[in-house]
Amino acid sequence: MNFLRIKAIIAQEFYMSYRAIEILMDLVVFPVMSIVVFGFLSKYLTGINTPAVGRSVLMGMLLWQFIWITQYTVSFGSLWNIWSRNLSNLFVTPLTVKEYLFAQTMSGVMKGLFILFLSSLLSVYIFDFNLLDIGLVNLVLIIINLSLFAFSLGVGILGLIFRFGTRIQAFAWGFLPFFQPITAAFYPVHVLPTFLQPVAYMLPPTYMFEVARQILGGDPIDYGYFVMAFTINIVYLTLAVSFFHYLYNKSKESGQFARNEG
């Protein structure tokens, strides 16, 4: 991979993000407002003698926002190039698909970490909750697993956009929320209906939210959850990349890749 080309794609991504009000609203304003709302909910729950529940709810939103921003960036970045009729221009250069995906992922992770840092500061100084209470090493392992899941989902959606065009562009921002209730971001898995619990444990973020709640609740940490999440993530990552390449090639064969800019 050529890191100069990767750097160029990342620079383009940040330039578009900086200049586009829509992206600033989606990636900064809405996430911060969500943290404020969930922060006050957390303070309310703490005030009625359920501090562990309140802290876990706020923690869930902080980590969920990281997934959302990473996936959104990976999937949404190509849409700006499609709308500006620039997508084909990118791929007539020496830029490879691998470099493009890597750059989009790095951009997503950097944006996700920035918003996570900003939201965490708000949580510390306004709502008296420090995400580092779960431990720096644990937090890093959680972030890695959430990043892998967000990337896998984002790449799969990106492949669909390349193959079917802008008529399914809403998947870039509207597909991930379907996973939010199943991953039990704000409550334990046992709250879910019995038939949904096995589905929840097929999703890596579920294990990470469960581990974070174990730590906040002072319970023993099940480190097997990290292993399970990472193993499932590798399977999903392999499938997502293969799925993307299949759809990308189909898009070029059918001419849809060129029509995306029509």
C-alpha atoms as a PDB file:
ATOM      1  CA  MET A   1       0.000   0.000   0.000  1.00  0.00           C
ATOM      2  CA  ASN A   2       1.132   3.522  -0.767  1.00  0.00           C
ATOM      3  CA  PHE A   3       0.694   5.692   2.318  1.00  0.00           C
ATOM      4  CA  LEU A   4       0.863   8.924   0.344  1.00  0.00           C
ATOM      5  CA  ARG A   5      -2.310   7.914  -1.510  1.00  0.00           C
ATOM      6  CA  ILE A   6      -3.908   6.836   1.766  1.00  0.00           C
ATOM      7  CA  LYS A   7      -2.981  10.198   3.276  1.00  0.00           C
ATOM      8  CA  ALA A   8      -4.571  11.974   0.292  1.00  0.00           C
ATOM      9  CA  ILE A   9      -7.884  10.151   0.749  1.00  0.00           C
ATOM     10  CA  ILE A  10      -7.880  10.902   4.479  1.00  0.00           C
ATOM     11  CA  ALA A  11      -7.144  14.559   3.746  1.00  0.00           C
ATOM     12  CA  GLN A  12     -10.005  14.671   1.240  1.00  0.00           C
ATOM     13  CA  GLU A  13     -12.327  13.069   3.797  1.00  0.00           C
ATOM     14  CA  PHE A  14     -11.465  15.577   6.504  1.00  0.00           C
ATOM     15  CA  TYR A  15     -11.723  18.503   4.102  1.00  0.00           C
ATOM     16  CA  MET A  16     -15.235  17.411   3.073  1.00  0.00           C
ATOM     17  CA  SER A  17     -16.205  16.878   6.700  1.00  0.00           C
ATOM     18  CA  TYR A  18     -14.909  20.288   7.726  1.00  0.00           C
ATOM     19  CA  ARG A  19     -16.746  22.109   4.944  1.00  0.00           C
ATOM     20  CA  ALA A  20     -20.042  20.163   4.974  1.00  0.00           C
ATOM     21  CA  ILE A  21     -22.605  21.311   7.527  1.00  0.00           C
ATOM     22  CA  GLU A  22     -24.512  18.049   7.070  1.00  0.00           C
ATOM     23  CA  ILE A  23     -21.543  15.986   8.242  1.00  0.00           C
ATOM     24  CA  LEU A  24     -20.787  18.331  11.137  1.00  0.00           C
ATOM     25  CA  MET A  25     -24.397  17.984  12.276  1.00  0.00           C
ATOM     26  CA  ASP A  26     -24.315  14.178  11.950  1.00  0.00           C
ATOM     27  CA  LEU A  27     -20.882  13.599  13.459  1.00  0.00           C
ATOM     28  CA  VAL A  28     -20.581  16.364  16.054  1.00  0.00           C
ATOM     29  CA  VAL A  29     -23.830  18.100  16.971  1.00  0.00           C
ATOM     30  CA  PHE A  30     -26.181  15.109  17.126  1.00  0.00           C
ATOM     31  CA  PRO A  31     -23.746  12.835  19.030  1.00  0.00           C
ATOM     32  CA  VAL A  32     -22.954  15.550  21.569  1.00  0.00           C
ATOM     33  CA  MET A  33     -26.652  16.297  22.053  1.00  0.00           C
ATOM     34  CA  SER A  34     -27.287  12.574  22.545  1.00  0.00           C
ATOM     35  CA  ILE A  35     -24.622  12.474  25.251  1.00  0.00           C
ATOM     36  CA  VAL A  36     -26.224  15.479  26.943  1.00  0.00           C
ATOM     37  CA  VAL A  37     -29.656  13.820  26.919  1.00  0.00           C
ATOM     38  CA  PHE A  38     -28.323  10.481  28.166  1.00  0.00           C
ATOM     39  CA  GLY A  39     -26.146  12.292  30.680  1.00  0.00           C
ATOM     40  CA  PHE A  40     -29.143  13.915  32.307  1.00  0.00           C
ATOM     41  CA  LEU A  41     -30.952  10.567  32.200  1.00  0.00           C
ATOM     42  CA  SER A  42     -27.958   9.060  33.944  1.00  0.00           C
ATOM     43  CA  LYS A  43     -28.041  11.746  36.656  1.00  0.00           C
ATOM     44  CA  TYR A  44     -31.771  11.124  37.148  1.00  0.00           C
ATOM     45  CA  LEU A  45     -31.255   7.368  37.534  1.00  0.00           C
ATOM     46  CA  THR A  46     -28.377   7.999  39.921  1.00  0.00           C
ATOM     47  CA  GLY A  47     -30.605  10.298  41.959  1.00  0.00           C
ATOM     48  CA  ILE A  48     -33.192   7.568  42.482  1.00  0.00           C
ATOM     49  CA  ASN A  49     -30.616   5.188  43.943  1.00  0.00           C
ATOM     50  CA  THR A  50     -29.733   3.350  40.740  1.00  0.00           C
ATOM     51  CA  PRO A  51     -26.216   4.742  40.123  1.00  0.00           C
ATOM     52  CA  ALA A  52     -24.915   1.593  38.386  1.00  0.00           C
ATOM     53  CA  VAL A  53     -27.795   1.692  35.913  1.00  0.00           C
ATOM     54  CA  GLY A  54     -27.303   5.391  35.254  1.00  0.00           C
ATOM     55  CA  ARG A  55     -23.582   4.992  34.623  1.00  0.00           C
ATOM     56  CA  SER A  56     -24.084   2.000  32.338  1.00  0.00           C
ATOM     57  CA  VAL A  57     -26.657   3.878  30.247  1.00  0.00           C
ATOM     58  CA  LEU A  58     -24.277   6.803  29.681  1.00  0.00           C
ATOM     59  CA  MET A  59     -21.389   4.436  29.027  1.00  0.00           C
ATOM     60  CA  GLY A  60     -23.492   2.586  26.454  1.00  0.00           C
ATOM     61  CA  MET A  61     -24.249   5.787  24.572  1.00  0.00           C
ATOM     62  CA  LEU A  62     -20.585   6.870  24.572  1.00  0.00           C
ATOM     63  CA  LEU A  63     -19.473   3.571  23.064  1.00  0.00           C
ATOM     64  CA  TRP A  64     -22.406   3.377  20.663  1.00  0.00           C
ATOM     65  CA  GLN A  65     -21.560   6.786  19.244  1.00  0.00           C
ATOM     66  CA  PHE A  66     -18.083   5.490  18.436  1.00  0.00           C
ATOM     67  CA  ILE A  67     -19.569   2.600  16.418  1.00  0.00           C
ATOM     68  CA  TRP A  68     -21.962   4.959  14.658  1.00  0.00           C
ATOM     69  CA  ILE A  69     -19.326   7.512  13.627  1.00  0.00           C
ATOM     70  CA  THR A  70     -16.866   4.890  12.377  1.00  0.00           C
ATOM     71  CA  GLN A  71     -19.450   3.016  10.305  1.00  0.00           C
ATOM     72  CA  TYR A  72     -20.981   6.250   9.021  1.00  0.00           C
ATOM     73  CA  THR A  73     -17.611   7.526   7.795  1.00  0.00           C
ATOM     74  CA  VAL A  74     -16.685   4.297   6.023  1.00  0.00           C
ATOM     75  CA  SER A  75     -20.048   4.087   4.226  1.00  0.00           C
ATOM     76  CA  PHE A  76     -20.800   7.764   3.704  1.00  0.00           C
ATOM     77  CA  GLY A  77     -17.464   8.965   2.349  1.00  0.00           C
ATOM     78  CA  SER A  78     -18.071   7.470  -1.084  1.00  0.00           C
ATOM     79  CA  LEU A  79     -21.444   9.202  -1.390  1.00  0.00           C
ATOM     80  CA  TRP A  80     -19.826  12.634  -1.489  1.00  0.00           C
ATOM     81  CA  ASN A  81     -17.643  11.470  -4.352  1.00  0.00           C
ATOM     82  CA  ILE A  82     -20.685  10.022  -6.118  1.00  0.00           C
ATOM     83  CA  TRP A  83     -22.727  13.198  -5.672  1.00  0.00           C
ATOM     84  CA  SER A  84     -19.835  15.325  -6.937  1.00  0.00           C
ATOM     85  CA  ARG A  85     -19.209  12.869  -9.818  1.00  0.00           C
ATOM     86  CA  ASN A  86     -15.692  12.247  -8.609  1.00  0.00           C
ATOM     87  CA  LEU A  87     -15.769   8.543  -7.754  1.00  0.00           C
ATOM     88  CA  SER A  88     -14.507   7.289 -11.120  1.00  0.00           C
ATOM     89  CA  ASN A  89     -11.748   9.900 -11.039  1.00  0.00           C
ATOM     90  CA  LEU A  90     -10.398   8.356  -7.845  1.00  0.00           C
ATOM     91  CA  PHE A  91     -10.135   4.901  -9.329  1.00  0.00           C
ATOM     92  CA  VAL A  92      -8.498   5.890 -12.621  1.00  0.00           C
ATOM     93  CA  THR A  93      -5.551   6.990 -10.492  1.00  0.00           C
ATOM     94  CA  PRO A  94      -3.063   4.432  -9.082  1.00  0.00           C
ATOM     95  CA  LEU A  95      -5.273   4.307  -5.936  1.00  0.00           C
ATOM     96  CA  THR A  96      -6.214   0.714  -5.108  1.00  0.00           C
ATOM     97  CA  VAL A  97      -9.408  -0.495  -3.477  1.00  0.00           C
ATOM     98  CA  LYS A  98      -7.391  -1.734  -0.497  1.00  0.00           C
ATOM     99  CA  GLU A  99      -5.874   1.719   0.005  1.00  0.00           C
ATOM    100  CA  TYR A 100      -9.270   3.380  -0.342  1.00  0.00           C
ATOM    101  CA  LEU A 101     -10.866   1.121   2.257  1.00  0.00           C
ATOM    102  CA  PHE A 102      -7.921   1.517   4.625  1.00  0.00           C
ATOM    103  CA  ALA A 103      -8.065   5.307   4.332  1.00  0.00           C
ATOM    104  CA  GLN A 104     -11.828   5.372   4.943  1.00  0.00           C
ATOM    105  CA  THR A 105     -11.381   3.161   7.988  1.00  0.00           C
ATOM    106  CA  MET A 106      -8.598   5.292   9.447  1.00  0.00           C
ATOM    107  CA  SER A 107     -10.689   8.400   8.872  1.00  0.00           C
ATOM    108  CA  GLY A 108     -13.659   6.801  10.629  1.00  0.00           C
ATOM    109  CA  VAL A 109     -11.633   5.640  13.607  1.00  0.00           C
ATOM    110  CA  MET A 110      -9.961   9.037  14.025  1.00  0.00           C
ATOM    111  CA  LYS A 111     -13.304  10.836  13.888  1.00  0.00           C
ATOM    112  CA  GLY A 112     -14.819   8.305  16.273  1.00  0.00           C
ATOM    113  CA  LEU A 113     -11.984   8.728  18.761  1.00  0.00           C
ATOM    114  CA  PHE A 114     -12.219  12.514  18.549  1.00  0.00           C
ATOM    115  CA  ILE A 115     -15.941  12.542  19.300  1.00  0.00           C
ATOM    116  CA  LEU A 116     -15.465   9.897  21.999  1.00  0.00           C
ATOM    117  CA  PHE A 117     -12.822  12.120  23.612  1.00  0.00           C
ATOM    118  CA  LEU A 118     -15.053  15.202  23.370  1.00  0.00           C
ATOM    119  CA  SER A 119     -18.096  13.370  24.723  1.00  0.00           C
ATOM    120  CA  SER A 120     -16.034  11.813  27.506  1.00  0.00           C
ATOM    121  CA  LEU A 121     -14.885  15.264  28.614  1.00  0.00           C
ATOM    122  CA  LEU A 122     -18.518  16.379  28.788  1.00  0.00           C
ATOM    123  CA  SER A 123     -19.330  13.274  30.800  1.00  0.00           C
ATOM    124  CA  VAL A 124     -16.537  13.956  33.274  1.00  0.00           C
ATOM    125  CA  TYR A 125     -17.137  17.646  33.862  1.00  0.00           C
ATOM    126  CA  ILE A 126     -20.927  17.761  33.579  1.00  0.00           C
ATOM    127  CA  PHE A 127     -22.163  14.308  34.566  1.00  0.00           C
ATOM    128  CA  ASP A 128     -19.357  13.062  36.846  1.00  0.00           C
ATOM    129  CA  PHE A 129     -18.728   9.921  34.810  1.00  0.00           C
ATOM    130  CA  ASN A 130     -15.266   8.965  33.589  1.00  0.00           C
ATOM    131  CA  LEU A 131     -15.144   6.333  30.853  1.00  0.00           C
ATOM    132  CA  LEU A 132     -11.646   5.433  32.034  1.00  0.00           C
ATOM    133  CA  ASP A 133     -13.275   3.947  35.134  1.00  0.00           C
ATOM    134  CA  ILE A 134     -13.512   0.727  33.126  1.00  0.00           C
ATOM    135  CA  GLY A 135      -9.705   0.708  32.814  1.00  0.00           C
ATOM    136  CA  LEU A 136      -7.468   1.916  29.990  1.00  0.00           C
ATOM    137  CA  VAL A 137      -6.520  -1.571  28.758  1.00  0.00           C
ATOM    138  CA  ASN A 138     -10.123  -2.722  28.838  1.00  0.00           C
ATOM    139  CA  LEU A 139     -11.211   0.415  26.996  1.00  0.00           C
ATOM    140  CA  VAL A 140      -8.580  -0.123  24.276  1.00  0.00           C
ATOM    141  CA  LEU A 141      -9.712  -3.736  23.785  1.00  0.00           C
ATOM    142  CA  ILE A 142     -13.330  -2.595  23.606  1.00  0.00           C
ATOM    143  CA  ILE A 143     -12.501   0.127  21.070  1.00  0.00           C
ATOM    144  CA  ILE A 144     -10.605  -2.350  18.877  1.00  0.00           C
ATOM    145  CA  ASN A 145     -13.546  -4.747  18.796  1.00  0.00           C
ATOM    146  CA  LEU A 146     -16.074  -1.988  18.155  1.00  0.00           C
ATOM    147  CA  SER A 147     -13.871  -0.621  15.352  1.00  0.00           C
ATOM    148  CA  LEU A 148     -13.725  -4.015  13.647  1.00  0.00           C
ATOM    149  CA  PHE A 149     -17.490  -4.399  13.808  1.00  0.00           C
ATOM    150  CA  ALA A 150     -18.114  -0.874  12.507  1.00  0.00           C
ATOM    151  CA  PHE A 151     -15.644  -1.409   9.667  1.00  0.00           C
ATOM    152  CA  SER A 152     -17.210  -4.719   8.656  1.00  0.00           C
ATOM    153  CA  LEU A 153     -20.683  -3.233   8.544  1.00  0.00           C
ATOM    154  CA  GLY A 154     -19.486  -0.078   6.815  1.00  0.00           C
ATOM    155  CA  VAL A 155     -17.650  -1.997   4.097  1.00  0.00           C
ATOM    156  CA  GLY A 156     -20.667  -4.200   3.458  1.00  0.00           C
ATOM    157  CA  ILE A 157     -22.890  -1.145   3.046  1.00  0.00           C
ATOM    158  CA  LEU A 158     -20.277   0.503   0.832  1.00  0.00           C
ATOM    159  CA  GLY A 159     -20.344  -2.526  -1.457  1.00  0.00           C
ATOM    160  CA  LEU A 160     -24.128  -2.290  -1.712  1.00  0.00           C
ATOM    161  CA  ILE A 161     -23.887   1.406  -2.625  1.00  0.00           C
ATOM    162  CA  PHE A 162     -21.314   0.667  -5.332  1.00  0.00           C
ATOM    163  CA  ARG A 163     -23.487  -2.132  -6.724  1.00  0.00           C
ATOM    164  CA  PHE A 164     -26.958  -0.583  -6.526  1.00  0.00           C
ATOM    165  CA  GLY A 165     -26.254   3.134  -6.531  1.00  0.00           C
ATOM    166  CA  THR A 166     -27.710   6.018  -4.593  1.00  0.00           C
ATOM    167  CA  ARG A 167     -31.203   4.507  -4.424  1.00  0.00           C
ATOM    168  CA  ILE A 168     -30.038   2.683  -1.310  1.00  0.00           C
ATOM    169  CA  GLN A 169     -27.850   5.488   0.030  1.00  0.00           C
ATOM    170  CA  ALA A 170     -30.002   5.706   3.168  1.00  0.00           C
ATOM    171  CA  PHE A 171     -28.307   2.483   4.308  1.00  0.00           C
ATOM    172  CA  ALA A 172     -25.200   4.582   5.041  1.00  0.00           C
ATOM    173  CA  TRP A 173     -26.898   6.243   8.004  1.00  0.00           C
ATOM    174  CA  GLY A 174     -30.074   4.223   8.516  1.00  0.00           C
ATOM    175  CA  PHE A 175     -28.974   0.588   8.735  1.00  0.00           C
ATOM    176  CA  LEU A 176     -26.861   0.542  11.898  1.00  0.00           C
ATOM    177  CA  PRO A 177     -29.702   1.675  14.235  1.00  0.00           C
ATOM    178  CA  PHE A 178     -31.412  -1.688  13.655  1.00  0.00           C
ATOM    179  CA  PHE A 179     -28.562  -3.278  15.603  1.00  0.00           C
ATOM    180  CA  GLN A 180     -28.785  -0.917  18.581  1.00  0.00           C
ATOM    181  CA  PRO A 181     -31.559  -2.681  20.534  1.00  0.00           C
ATOM    182  CA  ILE A 182     -30.178  -6.151  19.777  1.00  0.00           C
ATOM    183  CA  THR A 183     -26.651  -5.377  20.970  1.00  0.00           C
ATOM    184  CA  ALA A 184     -28.062  -4.400  24.372  1.00  0.00           C
ATOM    185  CA  ALA A 185     -26.083  -1.183  24.511  1.00  0.00           C
ATOM    186  CA  PHE A 186     -28.098   0.249  27.408  1.00  0.00           C
ATOM    187  CA  TYR A 187     -29.334  -2.818  29.281  1.00  0.00           C
ATOM    188  CA  PRO A 188     -28.240  -6.408  29.989  1.00  0.00           C
ATOM    189  CA  VAL A 189     -28.892  -9.076  27.388  1.00  0.00           C
ATOM    190  CA  HIS A 190     -31.299 -10.927  29.673  1.00  0.00           C
ATOM    191  CA  VAL A 191     -33.752  -8.031  29.260  1.00  0.00           C
ATOM    192  CA  LEU A 192     -34.229  -9.033  25.622  1.00  0.00           C
ATOM    193  CA  PRO A 193     -36.888 -11.580  24.640  1.00  0.00           C
ATOM    194  CA  THR A 194     -35.575 -15.130  24.884  1.00  0.00           C
ATOM    195  CA  PHE A 195     -35.583 -15.682  21.122  1.00  0.00           C
ATOM    196  CA  LEU A 196     -33.438 -12.552  20.554  1.00  0.00           C
ATOM    197  CA  GLN A 197     -30.730 -13.363  23.084  1.00  0.00           C
ATOM    198  CA  PRO A 198     -28.876 -15.866  20.823  1.00  0.00           C
ATOM    199  CA  VAL A 199     -29.012 -13.242  18.050  1.00  0.00           C
ATOM    200  CA  ALA A 200     -27.513 -10.668  20.406  1.00  0.00           C
ATOM    201  CA  TYR A 201     -24.581 -12.967  21.131  1.00  0.00           C
ATOM    202  CA  MET A 202     -23.875 -13.229  17.405  1.00  0.00           C
ATOM    203  CA  LEU A 203     -22.933  -9.523  17.435  1.00  0.00           C
ATOM    204  CA  PRO A 204     -19.498  -8.530  18.808  1.00  0.00           C
ATOM    205  CA  PRO A 205     -20.628  -5.227  20.415  1.00  0.00           C
ATOM    206  CA  THR A 206     -22.932  -7.203  22.718  1.00  0.00           C
ATOM    207  CA  TYR A 207     -19.942  -8.780  24.433  1.00  0.00           C
ATOM    208  CA  MET A 208     -18.229  -5.425  24.823  1.00  0.00           C
ATOM    209  CA  PHE A 209     -21.257  -3.755  26.388  1.00  0.00           C
ATOM    210  CA  GLU A 210     -21.667  -6.720  28.741  1.00  0.00           C
ATOM    211  CA  VAL A 211     -18.005  -6.536  29.798  1.00  0.00           C
ATOM    212  CA  ALA A 212     -18.227  -2.785  30.400  1.00  0.00           C
ATOM    213  CA  ARG A 213     -21.301  -3.297  32.585  1.00  0.00           C
ATOM    214  CA  GLN A 214     -19.500  -6.039  34.522  1.00  0.00           C
ATOM    215  CA  ILE A 215     -16.671  -3.624  35.285  1.00  0.00           C
ATOM    216  CA  LEU A 216     -18.957  -0.765  36.295  1.00  0.00           C
ATOM    217  CA  GLY A 217     -20.974  -3.108  38.490  1.00  0.00           C
ATOM    218  CA  GLY A 218     -17.867  -4.403  40.253  1.00  0.00           C
ATOM    219  CA  ASP A 219     -18.456  -7.953  38.975  1.00  0.00           C
ATOM    220  CA  PRO A 220     -15.668 -10.310  37.857  1.00  0.00           C
ATOM    221  CA  ILE A 221     -14.638  -9.649  34.259  1.00  0.00           C
ATOM    222  CA  ASP A 222     -15.297 -12.439  31.790  1.00  0.00           C
ATOM    223  CA  TYR A 223     -12.226 -12.070  29.557  1.00  0.00           C
ATOM    224  CA  GLY A 224     -13.627 -14.799  27.350  1.00  0.00           C
ATOM    225  CA  TYR A 225     -15.998 -12.129  26.035  1.00  0.00           C
ATOM    226  CA  PHE A 226     -13.050 -10.280  24.483  1.00  0.00           C
ATOM    227  CA  VAL A 227     -11.946 -13.477  22.752  1.00  0.00           C
ATOM    228  CA  MET A 228     -15.457 -14.256  21.512  1.00  0.00           C
ATOM    229  CA  ALA A 229     -15.974 -10.726  20.193  1.00  0.00           C
ATOM    230  CA  PHE A 230     -12.622 -10.712  18.404  1.00  0.00           C
ATOM    231  CA  THR A 231     -13.223 -14.152  16.869  1.00  0.00           C
ATOM    232  CA  ILE A 232     -16.661 -13.183  15.556  1.00  0.00           C
ATOM    233  CA  ASN A 233     -15.246  -9.890  14.289  1.00  0.00           C
ATOM    234  CA  ILE A 234     -12.595 -11.711  12.240  1.00  0.00           C
ATOM    235  CA  VAL A 235     -15.291 -13.889  10.668  1.00  0.00           C
ATOM    236  CA  TYR A 236     -17.476 -10.871   9.872  1.00  0.00           C
ATOM    237  CA  LEU A 237     -14.492  -8.891   8.589  1.00  0.00           C
ATOM    238  CA  THR A 238     -13.520 -11.677   6.194  1.00  0.00           C
ATOM    239  CA  LEU A 239     -17.096 -12.013   4.957  1.00  0.00           C
ATOM    240  CA  ALA A 240     -17.540  -8.239   4.629  1.00  0.00           C
ATOM    241  CA  VAL A 241     -14.373  -7.738   2.572  1.00  0.00           C
ATOM    242  CA  SER A 242     -15.243 -10.695   0.324  1.00  0.00           C
ATOM    243  CA  PHE A 243     -18.795  -9.377  -0.036  1.00  0.00           C
ATOM    244  CA  PHE A 244     -17.491  -5.923  -0.926  1.00  0.00           C
ATOM    245  CA  HIS A 245     -15.097  -7.217  -3.589  1.00  0.00           C
ATOM    246  CA  TYR A 246     -17.868  -9.342  -5.116  1.00  0.00           C
ATOM    247  CA  LEU A 247     -20.254  -6.364  -5.328  1.00  0.00           C
ATOM    248  CA  TYR A 248     -17.491  -4.029  -6.512  1.00  0.00           C
ATOM    249  CA  ASN A 249     -16.613  -6.355  -9.379  1.00  0.00           C
ATOM    250  CA  LYS A 250     -20.298  -6.850 -10.232  1.00  0.00           C
ATOM    251  CA  SER A 251     -20.735  -3.080 -10.255  1.00  0.00           C
ATOM    252  CA  LYS A 252     -17.954  -2.685 -12.804  1.00  0.00           C
ATOM    253  CA  GLU A 253     -19.199  -5.584 -14.927  1.00  0.00           C
ATOM    254  CA  SER A 254     -22.752  -4.238 -15.083  1.00  0.00           C
ATOM    255  CA  GLY A 255     -21.677  -0.650 -15.645  1.00  0.00           C
ATOM    256  CA  GLN A 256     -23.357   0.466 -12.420  1.00  0.00           C
ATOM    257  CA  PHE A 257     -20.057   1.830 -11.098  1.00  0.00           C
ATOM    258  CA  ALA A 258     -19.945   4.361 -13.939  1.00  0.00           C
ATOM    259  CA  ARG A 259     -23.702   5.061 -13.759  1.00  0.00           C
ATOM    260  CA  ASN A 260     -23.376   5.951 -10.082  1.00  0.00           C
ATOM    261  CA  GLU A 261     -22.222   9.362 -11.209  1.00  0.00           C
ATOM    262  CA  GLY A 262     -24.915   9.813 -13.810  1.00  0.00           C
END
